[in-house]
Amino acid sequence: MTRKALGRGLYALLSEETKTALEVEKRDLRYLKLEEIRANPFQPRTDTQENLSELAASVKENGILQPIVVRQRSDGYELVVGERRLRAAKEAGLIVIPAIIKDISEPEMLELALVENIQRTDLNAIDEALAYKRLVDEFNLTHDEIAEKMGKERSTVTNSLRLLTLPQQVRDYISQRKISAGHARALLAMTNRKVQETICEKIVTEGLSVRAVEKLCTPKKRRTVPILERDVHIEALEDMLQQYLGSRVDIEKRNGRGDIRIQFFSDEDLDRIIKIITKPQ
């Protein structure tokens, strides 16, 4: 059976969610007591202490402008979409909240919660990777299937999951946004976990850029030919190829000649890169 594209499915769900109460079919819209609604057990966001004061103040002033989405359970309701609105409503002291009731399966619960957070753009890279891992482990989705559902490149999903192989200290810094996902991907070039942790500390204490970390993580033997100054056009080409291939790319140019090096981390990753390079245009 062909899987539906989750992005389009979520768009349909959320577009209905944003209609006014008069536009939503009466059988779907309810005003539910907050105490009847429990959290989404598949919520990918682990940082639940984010500041909700502004949203709570808006809710107190204007009410809930968009209904949340829930599914009915034998002992009440379970949140599907709208965690921040639900928490802000509690903080604002509301007793009831407008909600749309949908019949949604457990896999869709996780998928919808993940997409909602990713579309907000502020889900930290580790929470995103952990959510992808749950889709793999609990629902047996392949990287290709996840990428299709999320509207992303397969390489994006694969590289996200690779962040989970980093030491716990590094993952904690990513979650706390002390280092970026770009820094973390550069650290993956190193296989020594102690070295990864050491460089990670330098990123935090010295404010190293992603490019600086990439240079630190490049094996010394690759720098036998001195490069006095990096050509900004070469760097732009490297960035473009890295985005296209989803992997580290180094270009070295000397006297009109040079090398292009593409990094891969497994046989599967190599196959993926070859397919991208050789696919018909």
C-alpha atoms as a PDB file:
ATOM      1  CA  MET A   1       0.000   0.000   0.000  1.00  0.00           C
ATOM      2  CA  THR A   2       1.374   3.415  -0.916  1.00  0.00           C
ATOM      3  CA  ARG A   3       2.071   5.562   2.112  1.00  0.00           C
ATOM      4  CA  LYS A   4       0.522   8.988   2.041  1.00  0.00           C
ATOM      5  CA  ALA A   5       2.872  11.937   2.173  1.00  0.00           C
ATOM      6  CA  LEU A   6       2.653  13.182   5.707  1.00  0.00           C
ATOM      7  CA  GLY A   7       3.480  16.761   4.845  1.00  0.00           C
ATOM      8  CA  ARG A   8       0.410  17.013   2.626  1.00  0.00           C
ATOM      9  CA  GLY A   9      -1.649  15.110   5.200  1.00  0.00           C
ATOM     10  CA  LEU A  10      -0.577  17.463   7.958  1.00  0.00           C
ATOM     11  CA  TYR A  11      -1.265  20.479   5.765  1.00  0.00           C
ATOM     12  CA  ALA A  12      -4.821  19.274   5.257  1.00  0.00           C
ATOM     13  CA  LEU A  13      -5.207  18.688   8.982  1.00  0.00           C
ATOM     14  CA  LEU A  14      -3.747  22.020  10.019  1.00  0.00           C
ATOM     15  CA  SER A  15      -5.582  23.976   7.342  1.00  0.00           C
ATOM     16  CA  GLU A  16      -8.812  22.634   8.782  1.00  0.00           C
ATOM     17  CA  GLU A  17      -7.519  23.428  12.235  1.00  0.00           C
ATOM     18  CA  THR A  18      -7.050  27.084  11.364  1.00  0.00           C
ATOM     19  CA  LYS A  19     -10.622  27.639  10.279  1.00  0.00           C
ATOM     20  CA  THR A  20     -12.847  29.613  12.586  1.00  0.00           C
ATOM     21  CA  ALA A  21     -15.323  27.811  14.792  1.00  0.00           C
ATOM     22  CA  LEU A  22     -18.151  28.654  12.391  1.00  0.00           C
ATOM     23  CA  GLU A  23     -16.320  26.992   9.488  1.00  0.00           C
ATOM     24  CA  VAL A  24     -15.449  23.780  11.306  1.00  0.00           C
ATOM     25  CA  GLU A  25     -18.070  21.067  11.174  1.00  0.00           C
ATOM     26  CA  LYS A  26     -19.970  20.992  14.450  1.00  0.00           C
ATOM     27  CA  ARG A  27     -19.371  17.289  14.937  1.00  0.00           C
ATOM     28  CA  ASP A  28     -15.595  17.872  15.028  1.00  0.00           C
ATOM     29  CA  LEU A  29     -15.349  20.928  17.279  1.00  0.00           C
ATOM     30  CA  ARG A  30     -15.666  20.566  21.048  1.00  0.00           C
ATOM     31  CA  TYR A  31     -14.846  22.679  24.049  1.00  0.00           C
ATOM     32  CA  LEU A  32     -12.997  20.237  26.281  1.00  0.00           C
ATOM     33  CA  LYS A  33     -11.940  20.617  29.900  1.00  0.00           C
ATOM     34  CA  LEU A  34      -8.177  20.886  30.174  1.00  0.00           C
ATOM     35  CA  GLU A  35      -8.170  18.205  32.845  1.00  0.00           C
ATOM     36  CA  GLU A  36      -9.641  15.745  30.317  1.00  0.00           C
ATOM     37  CA  ILE A  37      -6.668  16.070  27.934  1.00  0.00           C
ATOM     38  CA  ARG A  38      -3.407  14.248  28.497  1.00  0.00           C
ATOM     39  CA  ALA A  39      -0.116  14.886  26.727  1.00  0.00           C
ATOM     40  CA  ASN A  40       0.920  13.313  23.453  1.00  0.00           C
ATOM     41  CA  PRO A  41       3.122  10.336  24.475  1.00  0.00           C
ATOM     42  CA  PHE A  42       4.926  10.596  21.130  1.00  0.00           C
ATOM     43  CA  GLN A  43       5.873  14.257  21.511  1.00  0.00           C
ATOM     44  CA  PRO A  44       9.454  14.546  20.195  1.00  0.00           C
ATOM     45  CA  ARG A  45      10.294  17.733  22.085  1.00  0.00           C
ATOM     46  CA  THR A  46      12.213  17.033  25.307  1.00  0.00           C
ATOM     47  CA  ASP A  47      12.753  20.714  26.157  1.00  0.00           C
ATOM     48  CA  THR A  48       9.406  21.263  27.830  1.00  0.00           C
ATOM     49  CA  GLN A  49      10.561  24.209  29.963  1.00  0.00           C
ATOM     50  CA  GLU A  50      10.542  26.748  27.120  1.00  0.00           C
ATOM     51  CA  ASN A  51       9.182  30.180  27.971  1.00  0.00           C
ATOM     52  CA  LEU A  52       5.427  30.312  27.393  1.00  0.00           C
ATOM     53  CA  SER A  53       4.770  33.595  29.153  1.00  0.00           C
ATOM     54  CA  GLU A  54       4.151  35.598  25.971  1.00  0.00           C
ATOM     55  CA  LEU A  55       1.830  32.978  24.507  1.00  0.00           C
ATOM     56  CA  ALA A  56       0.018  32.595  27.830  1.00  0.00           C
ATOM     57  CA  ALA A  57      -0.471  36.369  28.007  1.00  0.00           C
ATOM     58  CA  SER A  58      -1.893  36.340  24.469  1.00  0.00           C
ATOM     59  CA  VAL A  59      -4.216  33.467  25.368  1.00  0.00           C
ATOM     60  CA  LYS A  60      -5.419  35.327  28.453  1.00  0.00           C
ATOM     61  CA  GLU A  61      -6.074  38.428  26.334  1.00  0.00           C
ATOM     62  CA  ASN A  62      -7.502  36.861  23.166  1.00  0.00           C
ATOM     63  CA  GLY A  63      -8.311  33.254  23.980  1.00  0.00           C
ATOM     64  CA  ILE A  64      -7.253  30.277  21.844  1.00  0.00           C
ATOM     65  CA  LEU A  65      -7.463  31.380  18.205  1.00  0.00           C
ATOM     66  CA  GLN A  66      -6.748  27.952  16.711  1.00  0.00           C
ATOM     67  CA  PRO A  67      -8.246  24.739  18.116  1.00  0.00           C
ATOM     68  CA  ILE A  68      -5.917  21.991  19.220  1.00  0.00           C
ATOM     69  CA  VAL A  69      -6.302  18.499  17.722  1.00  0.00           C
ATOM     70  CA  VAL A  70      -7.000  15.481  19.953  1.00  0.00           C
ATOM     71  CA  ARG A  71      -8.009  11.855  19.640  1.00  0.00           C
ATOM     72  CA  GLN A  72     -10.577  10.234  21.912  1.00  0.00           C
ATOM     73  CA  ARG A  73      -9.528   7.527  24.354  1.00  0.00           C
ATOM     74  CA  SER A  74     -11.571   5.430  26.768  1.00  0.00           C
ATOM     75  CA  ASP A  75     -10.554   7.625  29.720  1.00  0.00           C
ATOM     76  CA  GLY A  76     -10.581  11.036  28.046  1.00  0.00           C
ATOM     77  CA  TYR A  77      -8.609  12.657  25.228  1.00  0.00           C
ATOM     78  CA  GLU A  78      -5.016  12.531  24.041  1.00  0.00           C
ATOM     79  CA  LEU A  79      -3.309  15.531  22.466  1.00  0.00           C
ATOM     80  CA  VAL A  80      -2.219  15.191  18.826  1.00  0.00           C
ATOM     81  CA  VAL A  81      -1.297  18.740  17.739  1.00  0.00           C
ATOM     82  CA  GLY A  82      -1.066  21.925  19.803  1.00  0.00           C
ATOM     83  CA  GLU A  83       1.121  21.186  22.815  1.00  0.00           C
ATOM     84  CA  ARG A  84       2.239  24.788  23.307  1.00  0.00           C
ATOM     85  CA  ARG A  85      -1.333  26.069  23.059  1.00  0.00           C
ATOM     86  CA  LEU A  86      -2.492  23.513  25.630  1.00  0.00           C
ATOM     87  CA  ARG A  87       0.298  24.382  28.047  1.00  0.00           C
ATOM     88  CA  ALA A  88      -0.253  28.127  27.536  1.00  0.00           C
ATOM     89  CA  ALA A  89      -3.970  27.670  28.211  1.00  0.00           C
ATOM     90  CA  LYS A  90      -3.139  25.966  31.522  1.00  0.00           C
ATOM     91  CA  GLU A  91      -0.703  28.741  32.416  1.00  0.00           C
ATOM     92  CA  ALA A  92      -3.331  31.354  31.524  1.00  0.00           C
ATOM     93  CA  GLY A  93      -5.814  29.700  33.869  1.00  0.00           C
ATOM     94  CA  LEU A  94      -8.354  28.572  31.258  1.00  0.00           C
ATOM     95  CA  ILE A  95     -10.753  25.785  32.150  1.00  0.00           C
ATOM     96  CA  VAL A  96     -11.784  24.695  28.648  1.00  0.00           C
ATOM     97  CA  ILE A  97     -10.120  24.790  25.230  1.00  0.00           C
ATOM     98  CA  PRO A  98     -11.488  24.447  21.670  1.00  0.00           C
ATOM     99  CA  ALA A  99     -10.466  21.132  20.136  1.00  0.00           C
ATOM    100  CA  ILE A 100     -11.012  19.132  16.962  1.00  0.00           C
ATOM    101  CA  ILE A 101     -11.421  15.394  17.512  1.00  0.00           C
ATOM    102  CA  LYS A 102      -9.737  13.145  14.957  1.00  0.00           C
ATOM    103  CA  ASP A 103      -9.360   9.394  14.567  1.00  0.00           C
ATOM    104  CA  ILE A 104      -5.564   9.077  14.382  1.00  0.00           C
ATOM    105  CA  SER A 105      -3.321   6.012  14.763  1.00  0.00           C
ATOM    106  CA  GLU A 106      -0.246   5.831  16.980  1.00  0.00           C
ATOM    107  CA  PRO A 107       2.241   6.064  14.064  1.00  0.00           C
ATOM    108  CA  GLU A 108       0.413   9.149  12.821  1.00  0.00           C
ATOM    109  CA  MET A 109       0.569  10.606  16.349  1.00  0.00           C
ATOM    110  CA  LEU A 110       4.359  10.541  16.340  1.00  0.00           C
ATOM    111  CA  GLU A 111       4.616  11.626  12.726  1.00  0.00           C
ATOM    112  CA  LEU A 112       2.249  14.568  13.163  1.00  0.00           C
ATOM    113  CA  ALA A 113       3.942  15.713  16.375  1.00  0.00           C
ATOM    114  CA  LEU A 114       7.326  15.530  14.663  1.00  0.00           C
ATOM    115  CA  VAL A 115       6.252  17.445  11.564  1.00  0.00           C
ATOM    116  CA  GLU A 116       4.479  20.099  13.617  1.00  0.00           C
ATOM    117  CA  ASN A 117       7.672  20.743  15.560  1.00  0.00           C
ATOM    118  CA  ILE A 118       9.968  20.639  12.531  1.00  0.00           C
ATOM    119  CA  GLN A 119       7.735  23.112  10.703  1.00  0.00           C
ATOM    120  CA  ARG A 120       8.155  25.460  13.673  1.00  0.00           C
ATOM    121  CA  THR A 121      11.921  25.304  12.899  1.00  0.00           C
ATOM    122  CA  ASP A 122      13.025  25.448  16.550  1.00  0.00           C
ATOM    123  CA  LEU A 123      13.138  21.746  17.394  1.00  0.00           C
ATOM    124  CA  ASN A 124      16.697  21.055  18.484  1.00  0.00           C
ATOM    125  CA  ALA A 125      18.717  18.689  16.287  1.00  0.00           C
ATOM    126  CA  ILE A 126      18.925  15.895  18.868  1.00  0.00           C
ATOM    127  CA  ASP A 127      15.173  15.817  19.509  1.00  0.00           C
ATOM    128  CA  GLU A 128      14.655  15.698  15.748  1.00  0.00           C
ATOM    129  CA  ALA A 129      17.105  12.803  15.418  1.00  0.00           C
ATOM    130  CA  LEU A 130      15.492  10.920  18.326  1.00  0.00           C
ATOM    131  CA  ALA A 131      12.081  11.295  16.703  1.00  0.00           C
ATOM    132  CA  TYR A 132      13.437   9.888  13.435  1.00  0.00           C
ATOM    133  CA  LYS A 133      14.915   7.000  15.436  1.00  0.00           C
ATOM    134  CA  ARG A 134      11.513   6.231  16.942  1.00  0.00           C
ATOM    135  CA  LEU A 135       9.995   6.130  13.464  1.00  0.00           C
ATOM    136  CA  VAL A 136      12.686   3.602  12.513  1.00  0.00           C
ATOM    137  CA  ASP A 137      12.623   1.510  15.695  1.00  0.00           C
ATOM    138  CA  GLU A 138       8.928   1.527  16.566  1.00  0.00           C
ATOM    139  CA  PHE A 139       7.266   1.795  13.168  1.00  0.00           C
ATOM    140  CA  ASN A 140       9.907   0.169  10.920  1.00  0.00           C
ATOM    141  CA  LEU A 141      10.118   3.093   8.526  1.00  0.00           C
ATOM    142  CA  THR A 142      13.155   3.313   6.246  1.00  0.00           C
ATOM    143  CA  HIS A 143      15.177   6.483   5.813  1.00  0.00           C
ATOM    144  CA  ASP A 144      13.619   6.889   2.376  1.00  0.00           C
ATOM    145  CA  GLU A 145      10.081   6.591   3.783  1.00  0.00           C
ATOM    146  CA  ILE A 146      10.799   9.107   6.547  1.00  0.00           C
ATOM    147  CA  ALA A 147      12.310  11.532   4.035  1.00  0.00           C
ATOM    148  CA  GLU A 148       9.240  11.227   1.799  1.00  0.00           C
ATOM    149  CA  LYS A 149       6.867  11.812   4.680  1.00  0.00           C
ATOM    150  CA  MET A 150       8.814  14.796   5.991  1.00  0.00           C
ATOM    151  CA  GLY A 151       9.406  16.356   2.579  1.00  0.00           C
ATOM    152  CA  LYS A 152      13.182  16.170   3.064  1.00  0.00           C
ATOM    153  CA  GLU A 153      16.149  14.607   1.297  1.00  0.00           C
ATOM    154  CA  ARG A 154      17.079  11.112   2.441  1.00  0.00           C
ATOM    155  CA  SER A 155      20.599  12.354   3.223  1.00  0.00           C
ATOM    156  CA  THR A 156      19.112  14.891   5.645  1.00  0.00           C
ATOM    157  CA  VAL A 157      17.432  12.121   7.645  1.00  0.00           C
ATOM    158  CA  THR A 158      20.534   9.904   7.558  1.00  0.00           C
ATOM    159  CA  ASN A 159      22.838  12.720   8.671  1.00  0.00           C
ATOM    160  CA  SER A 160      20.415  13.677  11.424  1.00  0.00           C
ATOM    161  CA  LEU A 161      20.441  10.130  12.800  1.00  0.00           C
ATOM    162  CA  ARG A 162      24.243  10.068  12.710  1.00  0.00           C
ATOM    163  CA  LEU A 163      24.262  12.787  15.385  1.00  0.00           C
ATOM    164  CA  LEU A 164      23.078  10.144  17.862  1.00  0.00           C
ATOM    165  CA  THR A 165      26.451   8.372  17.537  1.00  0.00           C
ATOM    166  CA  LEU A 166      28.239  11.324  19.153  1.00  0.00           C
ATOM    167  CA  PRO A 167      29.264  11.221  22.842  1.00  0.00           C
ATOM    168  CA  GLN A 168      26.539  12.123  25.328  1.00  0.00           C
ATOM    169  CA  GLN A 169      28.318  15.328  26.342  1.00  0.00           C
ATOM    170  CA  VAL A 170      28.329  16.517  22.731  1.00  0.00           C
ATOM    171  CA  ARG A 171      24.657  15.576  22.289  1.00  0.00           C
ATOM    172  CA  ASP A 172      23.811  17.538  25.435  1.00  0.00           C
ATOM    173  CA  TYR A 173      25.532  20.638  24.040  1.00  0.00           C
ATOM    174  CA  ILE A 174      23.548  20.274  20.817  1.00  0.00           C
ATOM    175  CA  SER A 175      20.292  19.984  22.772  1.00  0.00           C
ATOM    176  CA  GLN A 176      21.229  23.061  24.791  1.00  0.00           C
ATOM    177  CA  ARG A 177      22.154  24.854  21.541  1.00  0.00           C
ATOM    178  CA  LYS A 178      25.661  25.544  22.784  1.00  0.00           C
ATOM    179  CA  ILE A 179      26.908  24.082  19.501  1.00  0.00           C
ATOM    180  CA  SER A 180      25.070  23.886  16.192  1.00  0.00           C
ATOM    181  CA  ALA A 181      24.139  20.841  14.111  1.00  0.00           C
ATOM    182  CA  GLY A 182      26.765  22.045  11.616  1.00  0.00           C
ATOM    183  CA  HIS A 183      29.443  21.852  14.309  1.00  0.00           C
ATOM    184  CA  ALA A 184      28.212  18.391  15.250  1.00  0.00           C
ATOM    185  CA  ARG A 185      28.336  17.103  11.672  1.00  0.00           C
ATOM    186  CA  ALA A 186      31.920  18.328  11.415  1.00  0.00           C
ATOM    187  CA  LEU A 187      32.804  16.396  14.590  1.00  0.00           C
ATOM    188  CA  LEU A 188      31.522  13.204  12.974  1.00  0.00           C
ATOM    189  CA  ALA A 189      34.640  13.231  10.784  1.00  0.00           C
ATOM    190  CA  MET A 190      36.606  12.223  13.895  1.00  0.00           C
ATOM    191  CA  THR A 191      36.376   8.641  15.141  1.00  0.00           C
ATOM    192  CA  ASN A 192      38.004   9.221  18.535  1.00  0.00           C
ATOM    193  CA  ARG A 193      35.269  10.111  21.003  1.00  0.00           C
ATOM    194  CA  LYS A 194      37.679  11.817  23.425  1.00  0.00           C
ATOM    195  CA  VAL A 195      38.905  14.054  20.616  1.00  0.00           C
ATOM    196  CA  GLN A 196      35.292  14.824  19.692  1.00  0.00           C
ATOM    197  CA  GLU A 197      34.624  15.910  23.282  1.00  0.00           C
ATOM    198  CA  THR A 198      37.809  18.002  23.417  1.00  0.00           C
ATOM    199  CA  ILE A 199      37.015  19.847  20.191  1.00  0.00           C
ATOM    200  CA  CYS A 200      33.430  20.311  21.365  1.00  0.00           C
ATOM    201  CA  GLU A 201      34.708  22.079  24.489  1.00  0.00           C
ATOM    202  CA  LYS A 202      36.836  24.355  22.293  1.00  0.00           C
ATOM    203  CA  ILE A 203      33.742  25.231  20.244  1.00  0.00           C
ATOM    204  CA  VAL A 204      31.923  26.300  23.411  1.00  0.00           C
ATOM    205  CA  THR A 205      34.794  28.127  25.105  1.00  0.00           C
ATOM    206  CA  GLU A 206      36.405  29.713  22.024  1.00  0.00           C
ATOM    207  CA  GLY A 207      33.354  30.213  19.792  1.00  0.00           C
ATOM    208  CA  LEU A 208      34.849  28.288  16.861  1.00  0.00           C
ATOM    209  CA  SER A 209      33.040  28.512  13.509  1.00  0.00           C
ATOM    210  CA  VAL A 210      31.851  25.424  11.636  1.00  0.00           C
ATOM    211  CA  ARG A 211      34.600  25.936   9.037  1.00  0.00           C
ATOM    212  CA  ALA A 212      37.241  26.096  11.785  1.00  0.00           C
ATOM    213  CA  VAL A 213      35.962  22.842  13.273  1.00  0.00           C
ATOM    214  CA  GLU A 214      36.005  21.175   9.855  1.00  0.00           C
ATOM    215  CA  LYS A 215      39.675  22.125   9.515  1.00  0.00           C
ATOM    216  CA  LEU A 216      40.441  20.764  12.982  1.00  0.00           C
ATOM    217  CA  CYS A 217      38.720  17.499  12.103  1.00  0.00           C
ATOM    218  CA  THR A 218      40.536  17.086   8.782  1.00  0.00           C
ATOM    219  CA  PRO A 219      43.298  14.445   8.936  1.00  0.00           C
ATOM    220  CA  LYS A 220      46.769  16.031   8.865  1.00  0.00           C
ATOM    221  CA  LYS A 221      47.861  14.032   5.851  1.00  0.00           C
ATOM    222  CA  ARG A 222      45.284  15.898   3.787  1.00  0.00           C
ATOM    223  CA  ARG A 223      47.128  19.140   4.462  1.00  0.00           C
ATOM    224  CA  THR A 224      50.573  18.143   3.119  1.00  0.00           C
ATOM    225  CA  VAL A 225      50.283  20.901   0.487  1.00  0.00           C
ATOM    226  CA  PRO A 226      50.069  24.266   2.266  1.00  0.00           C
ATOM    227  CA  ILE A 227      47.042  26.382   1.475  1.00  0.00           C
ATOM    228  CA  LEU A 228      47.858  29.999   2.186  1.00  0.00           C
ATOM    229  CA  GLU A 229      44.429  31.405   1.552  1.00  0.00           C
ATOM    230  CA  ARG A 230      41.069  29.816   0.920  1.00  0.00           C
ATOM    231  CA  ASP A 231      39.373  30.948  -2.284  1.00  0.00           C
ATOM    232  CA  VAL A 232      35.862  32.154  -1.413  1.00  0.00           C
ATOM    233  CA  HIS A 233      34.593  30.683  -4.688  1.00  0.00           C
ATOM    234  CA  ILE A 234      36.040  27.278  -3.792  1.00  0.00           C
ATOM    235  CA  GLU A 235      34.399  27.462  -0.366  1.00  0.00           C
ATOM    236  CA  ALA A 236      31.072  28.326  -1.996  1.00  0.00           C
ATOM    237  CA  LEU A 237      31.430  25.312  -4.300  1.00  0.00           C
ATOM    238  CA  GLU A 238      32.210  23.086  -1.315  1.00  0.00           C
ATOM    239  CA  ASP A 239      29.115  24.312   0.503  1.00  0.00           C
ATOM    240  CA  MET A 240      26.953  23.789  -2.586  1.00  0.00           C
ATOM    241  CA  LEU A 241      28.230  20.221  -3.101  1.00  0.00           C
ATOM    242  CA  GLN A 242      27.832  19.413   0.593  1.00  0.00           C
ATOM    243  CA  GLN A 243      24.205  20.510   0.474  1.00  0.00           C
ATOM    244  CA  TYR A 244      23.600  18.491  -2.707  1.00  0.00           C
ATOM    245  CA  LEU A 245      25.350  15.310  -1.591  1.00  0.00           C
ATOM    246  CA  GLY A 246      24.551  15.497   2.123  1.00  0.00           C
ATOM    247  CA  SER A 247      28.184  14.749   2.972  1.00  0.00           C
ATOM    248  CA  ARG A 248      31.480  16.524   3.668  1.00  0.00           C
ATOM    249  CA  VAL A 249      33.233  17.766   0.490  1.00  0.00           C
ATOM    250  CA  ASP A 250      36.779  19.199   0.252  1.00  0.00           C
ATOM    251  CA  ILE A 251      38.183  20.869  -2.863  1.00  0.00           C
ATOM    252  CA  GLU A 252      41.914  21.553  -3.168  1.00  0.00           C
ATOM    253  CA  LYS A 253      43.082  23.546  -6.188  1.00  0.00           C
ATOM    254  CA  ARG A 254      46.752  24.072  -7.109  1.00  0.00           C
ATOM    255  CA  ASN A 255      48.177  25.506 -10.323  1.00  0.00           C
ATOM    256  CA  GLY A 256      44.973  24.933 -12.260  1.00  0.00           C
ATOM    257  CA  ARG A 257      44.620  21.340 -11.031  1.00  0.00           C
ATOM    258  CA  GLY A 258      43.293  19.794  -7.851  1.00  0.00           C
ATOM    259  CA  ASP A 259      41.263  17.192  -6.032  1.00  0.00           C
ATOM    260  CA  ILE A 260      37.660  16.799  -4.877  1.00  0.00           C
ATOM    261  CA  ARG A 261      37.218  14.566  -1.819  1.00  0.00           C
ATOM    262  CA  ILE A 262      33.795  13.327  -0.774  1.00  0.00           C
ATOM    263  CA  GLN A 263      33.455  11.784   2.659  1.00  0.00           C
ATOM    264  CA  PHE A 264      31.261   8.736   3.366  1.00  0.00           C
ATOM    265  CA  PHE A 265      30.679   6.771   6.561  1.00  0.00           C
ATOM    266  CA  SER A 266      29.380   3.361   5.503  1.00  0.00           C
ATOM    267  CA  ASP A 267      28.787   1.187   2.452  1.00  0.00           C
ATOM    268  CA  GLU A 268      25.176   2.355   2.464  1.00  0.00           C
ATOM    269  CA  ASP A 269      26.282   5.983   2.589  1.00  0.00           C
ATOM    270  CA  LEU A 270      28.690   5.391  -0.331  1.00  0.00           C
ATOM    271  CA  ASP A 271      25.900   3.785  -2.375  1.00  0.00           C
ATOM    272  CA  ARG A 272      23.676   6.772  -1.628  1.00  0.00           C
ATOM    273  CA  ILE A 273      26.317   9.254  -2.853  1.00  0.00           C
ATOM    274  CA  ILE A 274      27.011   7.241  -6.018  1.00  0.00           C
ATOM    275  CA  LYS A 275      23.299   7.162  -6.833  1.00  0.00           C
ATOM    276  CA  ILE A 276      23.079  10.927  -6.470  1.00  0.00           C
ATOM    277  CA  ILE A 277      26.126  11.492  -8.678  1.00  0.00           C
ATOM    278  CA  THR A 278      25.083   9.048 -11.386  1.00  0.00           C
ATOM    279  CA  LYS A 279      21.366   9.722 -11.549  1.00  0.00           C
ATOM    280  CA  PRO A 280      20.199  11.069 -14.946  1.00  0.00           C
ATOM    281  CA  GLN A 281      19.699  14.819 -15.097  1.00  0.00           C
END
